Amino acid sequence: KARGRKASLDALMEHMRQTATDPKEQTIYISHGDCEDEVKEFAKRIK
C-alpha cells in the first residue's frame, strides 16, 4: 500500500525497475479506468 496517488504510481514504476528485462527495448502496455491524461503523464515519467 502507498499513501496517496503519486506514491502508488511510484510503486508500480519501482517494480518495473526491479524486474523488467531490458526495458529500453520493450513495448509496454498501460491500461486505465478513464484517466487517460494522467496515464500519459505517467508514461512520460517511465520513459
All heavy atoms as atom14 arrays in JSON, in Angstrom:
{
  "sequence": "KARGRKASLDALMEHMRQTATDPKEQTIYISHGDCEDEVKEFAKRIK",
  "atom14_mask": [
    [1, 1, 1, 1, 1, 1, 1, 1, 1, 0, 0, 0, 0, 0],
    [1, 1, 1, 1, 1, 0, 0, 0, 0, 0, 0, 0, 0, 0],
    [1, 1, 1, 1, 1, 1, 1, 1, 1, 1, 1, 0, 0, 0],
    [1, 1, 1, 1, 0, 0, 0, 0, 0, 0, 0, 0, 0, 0],
    [1, 1, 1, 1, 1, 1, 1, 1, 1, 1, 1, 0, 0, 0],
    [1, 1, 1, 1, 1, 1, 1, 1, 1, 0, 0, 0, 0, 0],
    [1, 1, 1, 1, 1, 0, 0, 0, 0, 0, 0, 0, 0, 0],
    [1, 1, 1, 1, 1, 1, 0, 0, 0, 0, 0, 0, 0, 0],
    [1, 1, 1, 1, 1, 1, 1, 1, 0, 0, 0, 0, 0, 0],
    [1, 1, 1, 1, 1, 1, 1, 1, 0, 0, 0, 0, 0, 0],
    [1, 1, 1, 1, 1, 0, 0, 0, 0, 0, 0, 0, 0, 0],
    [1, 1, 1, 1, 1, 1, 1, 1, 0, 0, 0, 0, 0, 0],
    [1, 1, 1, 1, 1, 1, 1, 1, 0, 0, 0, 0, 0, 0],
    [1, 1, 1, 1, 1, 1, 1, 1, 1, 0, 0, 0, 0, 0],
    [1, 1, 1, 1, 1, 1, 1, 1, 1, 1, 0, 0, 0, 0],
    [1, 1, 1, 1, 1, 1, 1, 1, 0, 0, 0, 0, 0, 0],
    [1, 1, 1, 1, 1, 1, 1, 1, 1, 1, 1, 0, 0, 0],
    [1, 1, 1, 1, 1, 1, 1, 1, 1, 0, 0, 0, 0, 0],
    [1, 1, 1, 1, 1, 1, 1, 0, 0, 0, 0, 0, 0, 0],
    [1, 1, 1, 1, 1, 0, 0, 0, 0, 0, 0, 0, 0, 0],
    [1, 1, 1, 1, 1, 1, 1, 0, 0, 0, 0, 0, 0, 0],
    [1, 1, 1, 1, 1, 1, 1, 1, 0, 0, 0, 0, 0, 0],
    [1, 1, 1, 1, 1, 1, 1, 0, 0, 0, 0, 0, 0, 0],
    [1, 1, 1, 1, 1, 1, 1, 1, 1, 0, 0, 0, 0, 0],
    [1, 1, 1, 1, 1, 1, 1, 1, 1, 0, 0, 0, 0, 0],
    [1, 1, 1, 1, 1, 1, 1, 1, 1, 0, 0, 0, 0, 0],
    [1, 1, 1, 1, 1, 1, 1, 0, 0, 0, 0, 0, 0, 0],
    [1, 1, 1, 1, 1, 1, 1, 1, 0, 0, 0, 0, 0, 0],
    [1, 1, 1, 1, 1, 1, 1, 1, 1, 1, 1, 1, 0, 0],
    [1, 1, 1, 1, 1, 1, 1, 1, 0, 0, 0, 0, 0, 0],
    [1, 1, 1, 1, 1, 1, 0, 0, 0, 0, 0, 0, 0, 0],
    [1, 1, 1, 1, 1, 1, 1, 1, 1, 1, 0, 0, 0, 0],
    [1, 1, 1, 1, 0, 0, 0, 0, 0, 0, 0, 0, 0, 0],
    [1, 1, 1, 1, 1, 1, 1, 1, 0, 0, 0, 0, 0, 0],
    [1, 1, 1, 1, 1, 1, 0, 0, 0, 0, 0, 0, 0, 0],
    [1, 1, 1, 1, 1, 1, 1, 1, 1, 0, 0, 0, 0, 0],
    [1, 1, 1, 1, 1, 1, 1, 1, 0, 0, 0, 0, 0, 0],
    [1, 1, 1, 1, 1, 1, 1, 1, 1, 0, 0, 0, 0, 0],
    [1, 1, 1, 1, 1, 1, 1, 0, 0, 0, 0, 0, 0, 0],
    [1, 1, 1, 1, 1, 1, 1, 1, 1, 0, 0, 0, 0, 0],
    [1, 1, 1, 1, 1, 1, 1, 1, 1, 0, 0, 0, 0, 0],
    [1, 1, 1, 1, 1, 1, 1, 1, 1, 1, 1, 0, 0, 0],
    [1, 1, 1, 1, 1, 0, 0, 0, 0, 0, 0, 0, 0, 0],
    [1, 1, 1, 1, 1, 1, 1, 1, 1, 0, 0, 0, 0, 0],
    [1, 1, 1, 1, 1, 1, 1, 1, 1, 1, 1, 0, 0, 0],
    [1, 1, 1, 1, 1, 1, 1, 1, 0, 0, 0, 0, 0, 0],
    [1, 1, 1, 1, 1, 1, 1, 1, 1, 0, 0, 0, 0, 0]
  ],
  "atom14_positions": [
    [[0.84, -1.19, 0.0], [0.0, 0.0, 0.0], [0.88, 1.23, 0.0], [2.04, 1.19, 0.42], [-0.94, -0.01, 1.2], [-0.25, -0.11, 2.55], [-1.27, -0.29, 3.66], [-0.57, -0.44, 5.02], [-1.54, -0.64, 6.12], [0.0, 0.0, 0.0], [0.0, 0.0, 0.0], [0.0, 0.0, 0.0], [0.0, 0.0, 0.0], [0.0, 0.0, 0.0]],
    [[0.31, 2.3, -0.51], [1.05, 3.56, -0.59], [0.13, 4.69, -0.13], [-1.09, 4.62, -0.29], [1.52, 3.81, -2.03], [0.0, 0.0, 0.0], [0.0, 0.0, 0.0], [0.0, 0.0, 0.0], [0.0, 0.0, 0.0], [0.0, 0.0, 0.0], [0.0, 0.0, 0.0], [0.0, 0.0, 0.0], [0.0, 0.0, 0.0], [0.0, 0.0, 0.0]],
    [[0.72, 5.73, 0.43], [-0.06, 6.86, 0.88], [-0.17, 7.89, -0.25], [0.78, 8.61, -0.54], [0.6, 7.5, 2.11], [-0.17, 8.65, 2.74], [-1.46, 8.19, 3.39], [-1.23, 7.3, 4.51], [-0.99, 7.71, 5.78], [-0.94, 8.99, 6.06], [-0.8, 6.83, 6.73], [0.0, 0.0, 0.0], [0.0, 0.0, 0.0], [0.0, 0.0, 0.0]],
    [[-1.32, 7.89, -0.89], [-1.54, 8.85, -1.96], [-1.3, 8.27, -3.35], [-0.64, 7.25, -3.53], [0.0, 0.0, 0.0], [0.0, 0.0, 0.0], [0.0, 0.0, 0.0], [0.0, 0.0, 0.0], [0.0, 0.0, 0.0], [0.0, 0.0, 0.0], [0.0, 0.0, 0.0], [0.0, 0.0, 0.0], [0.0, 0.0, 0.0], [0.0, 0.0, 0.0]],
    [[-1.86, 8.97, -4.34], [-1.82, 8.5, -5.73], [-0.4, 8.47, -6.28], [0.01, 7.48, -6.89], [-2.7, 9.43, -6.58], [-2.76, 9.08, -8.05], [-3.52, 7.79, -8.3], [-4.02, 7.73, -9.66], [-4.8, 6.77, -10.13], [-5.16, 5.76, -9.34], [-5.25, 6.8, -11.37], [0.0, 0.0, 0.0], [0.0, 0.0, 0.0], [0.0, 0.0, 0.0]],
    [[0.35, 9.54, -6.11], [1.7, 9.59, -6.68], [2.56, 8.46, -6.13], [3.3, 7.8, -6.87], [2.37, 10.93, -6.41], [3.76, 11.05, -7.04], [4.39, 12.39, -6.76], [5.76, 12.5, -7.47], [6.7, 11.44, -7.05], [0.0, 0.0, 0.0], [0.0, 0.0, 0.0], [0.0, 0.0, 0.0], [0.0, 0.0, 0.0], [0.0, 0.0, 0.0]],
    [[2.46, 8.21, -4.84], [3.26, 7.15, -4.23], [2.88, 5.78, -4.79], [3.74, 4.91, -4.98], [3.1, 7.17, -2.72], [0.0, 0.0, 0.0], [0.0, 0.0, 0.0], [0.0, 0.0, 0.0], [0.0, 0.0, 0.0], [0.0, 0.0, 0.0], [0.0, 0.0, 0.0], [0.0, 0.0, 0.0], [0.0, 0.0, 0.0], [0.0, 0.0, 0.0]],
    [[1.6, 5.59, -5.07], [1.18, 4.29, -5.61], [1.71, 4.1, -7.03], [2.14, 3.0, -7.4], [-0.34, 4.17, -5.59], [-0.97, 5.08, -6.46], [0.0, 0.0, 0.0], [0.0, 0.0, 0.0], [0.0, 0.0, 0.0], [0.0, 0.0, 0.0], [0.0, 0.0, 0.0], [0.0, 0.0, 0.0], [0.0, 0.0, 0.0], [0.0, 0.0, 0.0]],
    [[1.7, 5.16, -7.84], [2.27, 5.06, -9.2], [3.79, 4.88, -9.14], [4.37, 4.14, -9.94], [1.91, 6.29, -10.01], [0.41, 6.51, -10.29], [0.19, 7.79, -11.09], [-0.19, 5.32, -11.02], [0.0, 0.0, 0.0], [0.0, 0.0, 0.0], [0.0, 0.0, 0.0], [0.0, 0.0, 0.0], [0.0, 0.0, 0.0], [0.0, 0.0, 0.0]],
    [[4.43, 5.54, -8.17], [5.87, 5.34, -7.97], [6.17, 3.88, -7.68], [7.18, 3.33, -8.14], [6.38, 6.21, -6.81], [6.44, 7.69, -7.13], [6.35, 8.04, -8.34], [6.56, 8.49, -6.19], [0.0, 0.0, 0.0], [0.0, 0.0, 0.0], [0.0, 0.0, 0.0], [0.0, 0.0, 0.0], [0.0, 0.0, 0.0], [0.0, 0.0, 0.0]],
    [[5.29, 3.25, -6.91], [5.49, 1.83, -6.56], [5.42, 0.94, -7.8], [6.2, -0.01, -7.94], [4.46, 1.4, -5.52], [0.0, 0.0, 0.0], [0.0, 0.0, 0.0], [0.0, 0.0, 0.0], [0.0, 0.0, 0.0], [0.0, 0.0, 0.0], [0.0, 0.0, 0.0], [0.0, 0.0, 0.0], [0.0, 0.0, 0.0], [0.0, 0.0, 0.0]],
    [[4.49, 1.24, -8.71], [4.41, 0.47, -9.94], [5.71, 0.6, -10.73], [6.24, -0.39, -11.25], [3.24, 0.94, -10.81], [1.83, 0.97, -10.21], [0.8, 1.23, -11.3], [1.51, -0.3, -9.46], [0.0, 0.0, 0.0], [0.0, 0.0, 0.0], [0.0, 0.0, 0.0], [0.0, 0.0, 0.0], [0.0, 0.0, 0.0], [0.0, 0.0, 0.0]],
    [[6.2, 1.83, -10.83], [7.46, 2.07, -11.55], [8.62, 1.32, -10.9], [9.48, 0.78, -11.6], [7.77, 3.56, -11.6], [6.9, 4.35, -12.54], [7.34, 6.11, -12.56], [9.06, 6.03, -13.03], [0.0, 0.0, 0.0], [0.0, 0.0, 0.0], [0.0, 0.0, 0.0], [0.0, 0.0, 0.0], [0.0, 0.0, 0.0], [0.0, 0.0, 0.0]],
    [[8.65, 1.3, -9.58], [9.75, 0.64, -8.88], [9.76, -0.86, -9.15], [10.82, -1.46, -9.34], [9.67, 0.91, -7.38], [10.84, 0.36, -6.58], [12.19, 0.89, -7.06], [12.27, 2.02, -7.58], [13.18, 0.13, -6.93], [0.0, 0.0, 0.0], [0.0, 0.0, 0.0], [0.0, 0.0, 0.0], [0.0, 0.0, 0.0], [0.0, 0.0, 0.0]],
    [[8.58, -1.46, -9.2], [8.52, -2.88, -9.53], [9.02, -3.13, -10.96], [9.68, -4.13, -11.23], [7.09, -3.4, -9.36], [6.71, -3.61, -7.93], [7.29, -4.58, -7.14], [5.8, -2.96, -7.14], [6.76, -4.53, -5.92], [5.87, -3.56, -5.89], [0.0, 0.0, 0.0], [0.0, 0.0, 0.0], [0.0, 0.0, 0.0], [0.0, 0.0, 0.0]],
    [[8.69, -2.21, -11.86], [9.2, -2.34, -13.22], [10.73, -2.2, -13.23], [11.43, -2.98, -13.89], [8.57, -1.28, -14.13], [9.02, -1.38, -15.57], [8.24, -0.13, -16.64], [8.95, -0.6, -18.23], [0.0, 0.0, 0.0], [0.0, 0.0, 0.0], [0.0, 0.0, 0.0], [0.0, 0.0, 0.0], [0.0, 0.0, 0.0], [0.0, 0.0, 0.0]],
    [[11.23, -1.24, -12.49], [12.67, -1.02, -12.44], [13.4, -2.26, -11.92], [14.48, -2.61, -12.4], [12.96, 0.18, -11.53], [14.35, 0.8, -11.69], [14.64, 1.83, -10.61], [13.53, 2.71, -10.36], [13.29, 3.85, -11.01], [14.11, 4.23, -11.97], [12.26, 4.61, -10.69], [0.0, 0.0, 0.0], [0.0, 0.0, 0.0], [0.0, 0.0, 0.0]],
    [[12.8, -2.95, -10.97], [13.44, -4.1, -10.34], [13.42, -5.36, -11.2], [14.35, -6.17, -11.13], [12.77, -4.39, -8.99], [13.02, -3.35, -7.93], [12.23, -3.62, -6.67], [11.53, -4.62, -6.56], [12.35, -2.73, -5.69], [0.0, 0.0, 0.0], [0.0, 0.0, 0.0], [0.0, 0.0, 0.0], [0.0, 0.0, 0.0], [0.0, 0.0, 0.0]],
    [[12.36, -5.54, -11.99], [12.19, -6.84, -12.65], [12.15, -6.8, -14.18], [12.23, -7.85, -14.81], [10.91, -7.53, -12.16], [9.77, -6.71, -12.47], [10.95, -7.77, -10.66], [0.0, 0.0, 0.0], [0.0, 0.0, 0.0], [0.0, 0.0, 0.0], [0.0, 0.0, 0.0], [0.0, 0.0, 0.0], [0.0, 0.0, 0.0], [0.0, 0.0, 0.0]],
    [[11.99, -5.63, -14.79], [11.87, -5.58, -16.25], [13.15, -6.03, -16.93], [14.26, -5.7, -16.5], [11.52, -4.17, -16.71], [0.0, 0.0, 0.0], [0.0, 0.0, 0.0], [0.0, 0.0, 0.0], [0.0, 0.0, 0.0], [0.0, 0.0, 0.0], [0.0, 0.0, 0.0], [0.0, 0.0, 0.0], [0.0, 0.0, 0.0], [0.0, 0.0, 0.0]],
    [[13.0, -6.8, -17.99], [14.13, -7.27, -18.77], [14.39, -6.3, -19.92], [13.57, -6.17, -20.82], [13.85, -8.68, -19.34], [13.55, -9.57, -18.26], [15.04, -9.2, -20.12], [0.0, 0.0, 0.0], [0.0, 0.0, 0.0], [0.0, 0.0, 0.0], [0.0, 0.0, 0.0], [0.0, 0.0, 0.0], [0.0, 0.0, 0.0], [0.0, 0.0, 0.0]],
    [[15.53, -5.6, -19.86], [15.93, -4.67, -20.92], [14.76, -3.75, -21.32], [14.3, -3.77, -22.47], [16.41, -5.46, -22.14], [17.25, -4.59, -23.09], [17.56, -3.43, -22.73], [17.58, -5.07, -24.19], [0.0, 0.0, 0.0], [0.0, 0.0, 0.0], [0.0, 0.0, 0.0], [0.0, 0.0, 0.0], [0.0, 0.0, 0.0], [0.0, 0.0, 0.0]],
    [[14.28, -2.93, -20.4], [13.07, -2.14, -20.67], [13.19, -1.2, -21.87], [12.18, -0.94, -22.53], [12.87, -1.35, -19.37], [14.2, -1.36, -18.69], [14.81, -2.66, -19.06], [0.0, 0.0, 0.0], [0.0, 0.0, 0.0], [0.0, 0.0, 0.0], [0.0, 0.0, 0.0], [0.0, 0.0, 0.0], [0.0, 0.0, 0.0], [0.0, 0.0, 0.0]],
    [[14.38, -0.72, -22.16], [14.54, 0.22, -23.27], [14.24, -0.42, -24.63], [14.02, 0.29, -25.61], [15.95, 0.82, -23.27], [16.21, 1.78, -22.11], [17.61, 2.37, -22.18], [17.81, 3.45, -21.13], [17.62, 2.94, -19.76], [0.0, 0.0, 0.0], [0.0, 0.0, 0.0], [0.0, 0.0, 0.0], [0.0, 0.0, 0.0], [0.0, 0.0, 0.0]],
    [[14.21, -1.75, -24.69], [13.9, -2.45, -25.93], [12.49, -3.03, -25.93], [12.13, -3.78, -26.83], [14.92, -3.57, -26.17], [16.34, -3.06, -26.4], [16.42, -2.1, -27.59], [15.81, -2.4, -28.64], [17.06, -1.04, -27.46], [0.0, 0.0, 0.0], [0.0, 0.0, 0.0], [0.0, 0.0, 0.0], [0.0, 0.0, 0.0], [0.0, 0.0, 0.0]],
    [[11.7, -2.68, -24.93], [10.37, -3.28, -24.76], [9.25, -2.38, -25.26], [9.35, -1.15, -25.22], [10.1, -3.56, -23.29], [10.74, -4.79, -22.74], [10.02, -5.24, -21.48], [8.8, -5.27, -21.41], [10.8, -5.61, -20.47], [0.0, 0.0, 0.0], [0.0, 0.0, 0.0], [0.0, 0.0, 0.0], [0.0, 0.0, 0.0], [0.0, 0.0, 0.0]],
    [[8.17, -3.01, -25.66], [6.87, -2.35, -25.75], [6.14, -2.63, -24.45], [5.97, -3.79, -24.08], [6.04, -2.89, -26.93], [6.7, -2.57, -28.16], [4.65, -2.27, -26.94], [0.0, 0.0, 0.0], [0.0, 0.0, 0.0], [0.0, 0.0, 0.0], [0.0, 0.0, 0.0], [0.0, 0.0, 0.0], [0.0, 0.0, 0.0], [0.0, 0.0, 0.0]],
    [[5.75, -1.57, -23.75], [5.0, -1.75, -22.52], [3.54, -1.36, -22.77], [3.25, -0.54, -23.64], [5.58, -0.95, -21.34], [5.46, 0.57, -21.58], [7.03, -1.34, -21.1], [5.77, 1.4, -20.36], [0.0, 0.0, 0.0], [0.0, 0.0, 0.0], [0.0, 0.0, 0.0], [0.0, 0.0, 0.0], [0.0, 0.0, 0.0], [0.0, 0.0, 0.0]],
    [[2.64, -1.98, -22.03], [1.22, -1.68, -22.13], [0.77, -1.03, -20.82], [1.19, -1.47, -19.73], [0.4, -2.95, -22.36], [0.43, -3.5, -23.77], [1.26, -2.98, -24.76], [-0.38, -4.57, -24.13], [1.27, -3.49, -26.05], [-0.38, -5.1, -25.41], [0.46, -4.56, -26.37], [0.46, -5.07, -27.65], [0.0, 0.0, 0.0], [0.0, 0.0, 0.0]],
    [[-0.08, -0.03, -20.92], [-0.67, 0.61, -19.74], [-2.17, 0.71, -19.97], [-2.61, 1.23, -21.0], [-0.09, 2.01, -19.47], [1.43, 1.98, -19.4], [-0.67, 2.57, -18.16], [2.08, 3.36, -19.21], [0.0, 0.0, 0.0], [0.0, 0.0, 0.0], [0.0, 0.0, 0.0], [0.0, 0.0, 0.0], [0.0, 0.0, 0.0], [0.0, 0.0, 0.0]],
    [[-2.95, 0.21, -19.03], [-4.4, 0.36, -19.14], [-4.9, 1.21, -17.97], [-4.26, 1.31, -16.93], [-5.1, -1.01, -19.17], [-4.8, -1.77, -18.04], [0.0, 0.0, 0.0], [0.0, 0.0, 0.0], [0.0, 0.0, 0.0], [0.0, 0.0, 0.0], [0.0, 0.0, 0.0], [0.0, 0.0, 0.0], [0.0, 0.0, 0.0], [0.0, 0.0, 0.0]],
    [[-6.07, 1.8, -18.17], [-6.56, 2.77, -17.17], [-8.08, 2.79, -17.12], [-8.77, 2.41, -18.08], [-6.04, 4.17, -17.53], [-6.58, 4.7, -18.82], [-7.75, 5.44, -18.9], [-6.14, 4.58, -20.1], [-7.99, 5.75, -20.16], [-7.03, 5.24, -20.92], [0.0, 0.0, 0.0], [0.0, 0.0, 0.0], [0.0, 0.0, 0.0], [0.0, 0.0, 0.0]],
    [[-8.59, 3.27, -15.99], [-10.03, 3.4, -15.81], [-10.48, 4.83, -16.01], [-10.81, 5.54, -15.04], [0.0, 0.0, 0.0], [0.0, 0.0, 0.0], [0.0, 0.0, 0.0], [0.0, 0.0, 0.0], [0.0, 0.0, 0.0], [0.0, 0.0, 0.0], [0.0, 0.0, 0.0], [0.0, 0.0, 0.0], [0.0, 0.0, 0.0], [0.0, 0.0, 0.0]],
    [[-10.45, 5.28, -17.26], [-10.91, 6.62, -17.64], [-10.1, 7.73, -16.97], [-10.65, 8.69, -16.43], [-12.4, 6.79, -17.32], [-13.03, 7.93, -18.12], [-12.5, 8.28, -19.2], [-14.06, 8.48, -17.67], [0.0, 0.0, 0.0], [0.0, 0.0, 0.0], [0.0, 0.0, 0.0], [0.0, 0.0, 0.0], [0.0, 0.0, 0.0], [0.0, 0.0, 0.0]],
    [[-8.78, 7.59, -17.04], [-7.88, 8.65, -16.54], [-6.71, 8.77, -17.52], [-5.54, 8.7, -17.12], [-7.41, 8.36, -15.12], [-6.74, 6.7, -14.85], [0.0, 0.0, 0.0], [0.0, 0.0, 0.0], [0.0, 0.0, 0.0], [0.0, 0.0, 0.0], [0.0, 0.0, 0.0], [0.0, 0.0, 0.0], [0.0, 0.0, 0.0], [0.0, 0.0, 0.0]],
    [[-7.03, 8.94, -18.79], [-6.04, 8.88, -19.86], [-4.97, 9.95, -19.75], [-3.78, 9.68, -19.97], [-6.73, 8.97, -21.22], [-5.79, 8.75, -22.39], [-6.53, 8.64, -23.71], [-7.73, 8.96, -23.75], [-5.9, 8.23, -24.69], [0.0, 0.0, 0.0], [0.0, 0.0, 0.0], [0.0, 0.0, 0.0], [0.0, 0.0, 0.0], [0.0, 0.0, 0.0]],
    [[-5.36, 11.18, -19.42], [-4.37, 12.26, -19.33], [-3.33, 11.96, -18.25], [-2.12, 12.16, -18.45], [-5.05, 13.6, -19.04], [-5.87, 14.11, -20.22], [-5.64, 13.62, -21.34], [-6.74, 14.97, -20.01], [0.0, 0.0, 0.0], [0.0, 0.0, 0.0], [0.0, 0.0, 0.0], [0.0, 0.0, 0.0], [0.0, 0.0, 0.0], [0.0, 0.0, 0.0]],
    [[-3.8, 11.46, -17.12], [-2.89, 11.1, -16.04], [-1.95, 9.98, -16.48], [-0.74, 10.01, -16.18], [-3.68, 10.66, -14.81], [-2.82, 10.31, -13.62], [-3.64, 9.81, -12.44], [-4.71, 9.21, -12.67], [-3.2, 10.0, -11.29], [0.0, 0.0, 0.0], [0.0, 0.0, 0.0], [0.0, 0.0, 0.0], [0.0, 0.0, 0.0], [0.0, 0.0, 0.0]],
    [[-2.47, 9.01, -17.2], [-1.65, 7.88, -17.65], [-0.62, 8.32, -18.68], [0.51, 7.81, -18.7], [-2.56, 6.75, -18.19], [-1.79, 5.77, -19.04], [-3.22, 6.02, -17.04], [0.0, 0.0, 0.0], [0.0, 0.0, 0.0], [0.0, 0.0, 0.0], [0.0, 0.0, 0.0], [0.0, 0.0, 0.0], [0.0, 0.0, 0.0], [0.0, 0.0, 0.0]],
    [[-0.97, 9.26, -19.53], [0.01, 9.78, -20.49], [1.17, 10.45, -19.77], [2.33, 10.3, -20.18], [-0.67, 10.74, -21.45], [-1.56, 10.06, -22.48], [-2.21, 11.07, -23.42], [-3.05, 10.36, -24.48], [-3.75, 11.34, -25.36], [0.0, 0.0, 0.0], [0.0, 0.0, 0.0], [0.0, 0.0, 0.0], [0.0, 0.0, 0.0], [0.0, 0.0, 0.0]],
    [[0.88, 11.16, -18.7], [1.96, 11.77, -17.91], [2.78, 10.7, -17.2], [4.01, 10.81, -17.08], [1.36, 12.74, -16.88], [0.79, 14.02, -17.49], [1.83, 14.8, -18.29], [2.96, 14.98, -17.79], [1.51, 15.19, -19.44], [0.0, 0.0, 0.0], [0.0, 0.0, 0.0], [0.0, 0.0, 0.0], [0.0, 0.0, 0.0], [0.0, 0.0, 0.0]],
    [[2.1, 9.66, -16.74], [2.78, 8.53, -16.1], [3.75, 7.86, -17.08], [4.89, 7.54, -16.74], [1.73, 7.54, -15.61], [2.26, 6.34, -14.89], [3.24, 6.45, -13.91], [1.77, 5.07, -15.17], [3.71, 5.33, -13.23], [2.23, 3.95, -14.5], [3.21, 4.08, -13.53], [0.0, 0.0, 0.0], [0.0, 0.0, 0.0], [0.0, 0.0, 0.0]],
    [[3.3, 7.69, -18.32], [4.15, 7.1, -19.36], [5.38, 7.96, -19.62], [6.49, 7.44, -19.83], [3.36, 6.9, -20.64], [0.0, 0.0, 0.0], [0.0, 0.0, 0.0], [0.0, 0.0, 0.0], [0.0, 0.0, 0.0], [0.0, 0.0, 0.0], [0.0, 0.0, 0.0], [0.0, 0.0, 0.0], [0.0, 0.0, 0.0], [0.0, 0.0, 0.0]],
    [[5.21, 9.27, -19.6], [6.35, 10.18, -19.79], [7.37, 10.0, -18.68], [8.59, 10.02, -18.92], [5.87, 11.63, -19.83], [5.11, 12.01, -21.09], [4.65, 13.45, -21.03], [3.84, 13.83, -22.26], [3.34, 15.23, -22.19], [0.0, 0.0, 0.0], [0.0, 0.0, 0.0], [0.0, 0.0, 0.0], [0.0, 0.0, 0.0], [0.0, 0.0, 0.0]],
    [[6.88, 9.82, -17.45], [7.79, 9.62, -16.32], [8.57, 8.31, -16.48], [9.78, 8.26, -16.24], [7.0, 9.59, -15.01], [6.47, 10.94, -14.55], [5.69, 10.79, -13.26], [6.48, 10.14, -12.24], [5.97, 9.48, -11.19], [4.66, 9.34, -11.07], [6.76, 8.93, -10.3], [0.0, 0.0, 0.0], [0.0, 0.0, 0.0], [0.0, 0.0, 0.0]],
    [[7.88, 7.27, -16.89], [8.57, 5.98, -17.09], [9.61, 6.11, -18.18], [10.73, 5.6, -18.06], [7.55, 4.87, -17.44], [6.55, 4.67, -16.3], [8.28, 3.56, -17.72], [5.43, 3.72, -16.64], [0.0, 0.0, 0.0], [0.0, 0.0, 0.0], [0.0, 0.0, 0.0], [0.0, 0.0, 0.0], [0.0, 0.0, 0.0], [0.0, 0.0, 0.0]],
    [[9.24, 6.78, -19.27], [10.16, 6.97, -20.39], [11.43, 7.7, -19.92], [12.55, 7.33, -20.27], [9.46, 7.76, -21.49], [10.36, 8.14, -22.67], [10.72, 6.95, -23.52], [11.43, 7.36, -24.79], [11.85, 6.21, -25.6], [0.0, 0.0, 0.0], [0.0, 0.0, 0.0], [0.0, 0.0, 0.0], [0.0, 0.0, 0.0], [0.0, 0.0, 0.0]]
  ]
}
